[in-house]
Amino acid sequence: MSSRRSSRSRQSGSSRISDDQISDLVTKLQHLIPELRRCRSDKVSASKVLQETCNYIRNLHREVDDLSDRLSEFLASTDDNSAEAAIIRSLLDY
């Protein structure tokens, strides 16, 4: 056992997460990320999973920003009283 892991396992408290829990969470992340779902091997390092997860979240942020910009441009070019604007407003109202 590495010194980092042994020091982690010696620490007590309910806020500590076990190695098994970390492994389970990494596996769940691997199944959520499209790039990693395509991997044939189940042996993907935790580092790779976390790196791909960060990349995926960054890409999602970019997509949201792009869609927000496109929606803003569309709304700016649409008459506020038009049927299109009414539909969009109804979709955006939760």
Protein backbone atom coordinates (compact mmCIF):
# COMPACT_ATOMS: atom_id res chain seq x y z
CA MET A 1 0.00 0.00 0.00
CA SER A 2 1.39 3.40 -0.91
CA SER A 3 2.16 5.89 1.83
CA ARG A 4 -0.61 8.14 0.57
CA ARG A 5 -3.16 5.35 0.75
CA SER A 6 -1.97 4.12 4.12
CA SER A 7 -2.20 7.62 5.61
CA ARG A 8 -5.67 7.96 4.11
CA SER A 9 -6.81 4.66 5.59
CA ARG A 10 -5.45 5.57 9.04
CA GLN A 11 -7.51 8.75 9.16
CA SER A 12 -10.86 8.34 10.83
CA GLY A 13 -14.11 10.16 10.35
CA SER A 14 -17.29 9.73 8.41
CA SER A 15 -16.22 12.31 5.81
CA ARG A 16 -13.48 10.05 4.45
CA ILE A 17 -14.24 8.18 1.27
CA SER A 18 -12.93 4.65 0.86
CA ASP A 19 -10.84 3.42 -2.05
CA ASP A 20 -13.73 1.18 -3.07
CA GLN A 21 -16.10 4.16 -3.15
CA ILE A 22 -13.63 6.14 -5.26
CA SER A 23 -13.26 3.22 -7.64
CA ASP A 24 -17.04 2.88 -7.90
CA LEU A 25 -17.45 6.61 -8.61
CA VAL A 26 -14.73 6.54 -11.27
CA THR A 27 -16.45 3.58 -12.92
CA LYS A 28 -19.77 5.44 -12.90
CA LEU A 29 -18.11 8.49 -14.45
CA GLN A 30 -16.55 6.29 -17.12
CA HIS A 31 -20.01 5.08 -18.13
CA LEU A 32 -21.36 8.64 -18.33
CA ILE A 33 -18.68 10.09 -20.60
CA PRO A 34 -19.27 9.28 -24.29
CA GLU A 35 -15.57 9.24 -25.15
CA LEU A 36 -14.90 6.64 -22.46
CA ARG A 37 -17.97 4.53 -23.21
CA ARG A 38 -16.45 3.82 -26.62
CA CYS A 39 -13.32 2.32 -25.04
CA ARG A 40 -13.18 -1.43 -25.46
CA SER A 41 -11.20 -1.92 -22.28
CA ASP A 42 -12.63 -1.57 -18.80
CA LYS A 43 -9.10 -0.78 -17.62
CA VAL A 44 -9.05 2.99 -17.97
CA SER A 45 -7.03 4.84 -15.35
CA ALA A 46 -8.80 7.07 -12.87
CA SER A 47 -6.63 9.92 -14.09
CA LYS A 48 -7.84 9.41 -17.67
CA VAL A 49 -11.46 9.23 -16.50
CA LEU A 50 -11.13 12.49 -14.56
CA GLN A 51 -9.33 14.19 -17.44
CA GLU A 52 -11.99 13.14 -19.96
CA THR A 53 -14.74 14.16 -17.53
CA CYS A 54 -13.26 17.66 -17.28
CA ASN A 55 -12.97 17.86 -21.07
CA TYR A 56 -16.56 16.73 -21.48
CA ILE A 57 -17.85 19.31 -18.99
CA ARG A 58 -15.83 22.05 -20.73
CA ASN A 59 -17.35 21.04 -24.07
CA LEU A 60 -20.84 21.07 -22.58
CA HIS A 61 -20.23 24.59 -21.27
CA ARG A 62 -19.11 25.68 -24.74
CA GLU A 63 -22.21 24.14 -26.30
CA VAL A 64 -24.48 25.89 -23.79
CA ASP A 65 -22.74 29.21 -24.45
CA ASP A 66 -23.05 28.71 -28.21
CA LEU A 67 -26.73 27.80 -27.99
CA SER A 68 -27.38 30.77 -25.70
CA ASP A 69 -25.71 33.10 -28.19
CA ARG A 70 -27.67 31.63 -31.08
CA LEU A 71 -30.93 31.92 -29.15
CA SER A 72 -30.16 35.53 -28.24
CA GLU A 73 -29.42 36.36 -31.87
CA PHE A 74 -32.61 34.67 -33.00
CA LEU A 75 -34.73 36.47 -30.40
CA ALA A 76 -33.12 39.80 -31.30
CA SER A 77 -34.11 39.27 -34.93
CA THR A 78 -37.65 38.12 -34.13
CA ASP A 79 -40.67 40.28 -33.50
CA ASP A 80 -41.61 40.06 -29.80
CA ASN A 81 -45.23 39.45 -30.77
CA SER A 82 -44.52 36.72 -33.30
CA ALA A 83 -45.62 33.11 -32.91
CA GLU A 84 -41.96 31.99 -32.85
CA ALA A 85 -41.14 34.31 -29.94
CA ALA A 86 -44.22 33.10 -28.06
CA ILE A 87 -43.21 29.46 -28.53
CA ILE A 88 -39.67 30.14 -27.32
CA ARG A 89 -40.94 32.07 -24.30
CA SER A 90 -43.27 29.18 -23.43
CA LEU A 91 -40.39 26.70 -23.68
CA LEU A 92 -38.15 28.83 -21.47
CA ASP A 93 -40.81 29.25 -18.76
CA TYR A 94 -40.35 26.42 -16.36
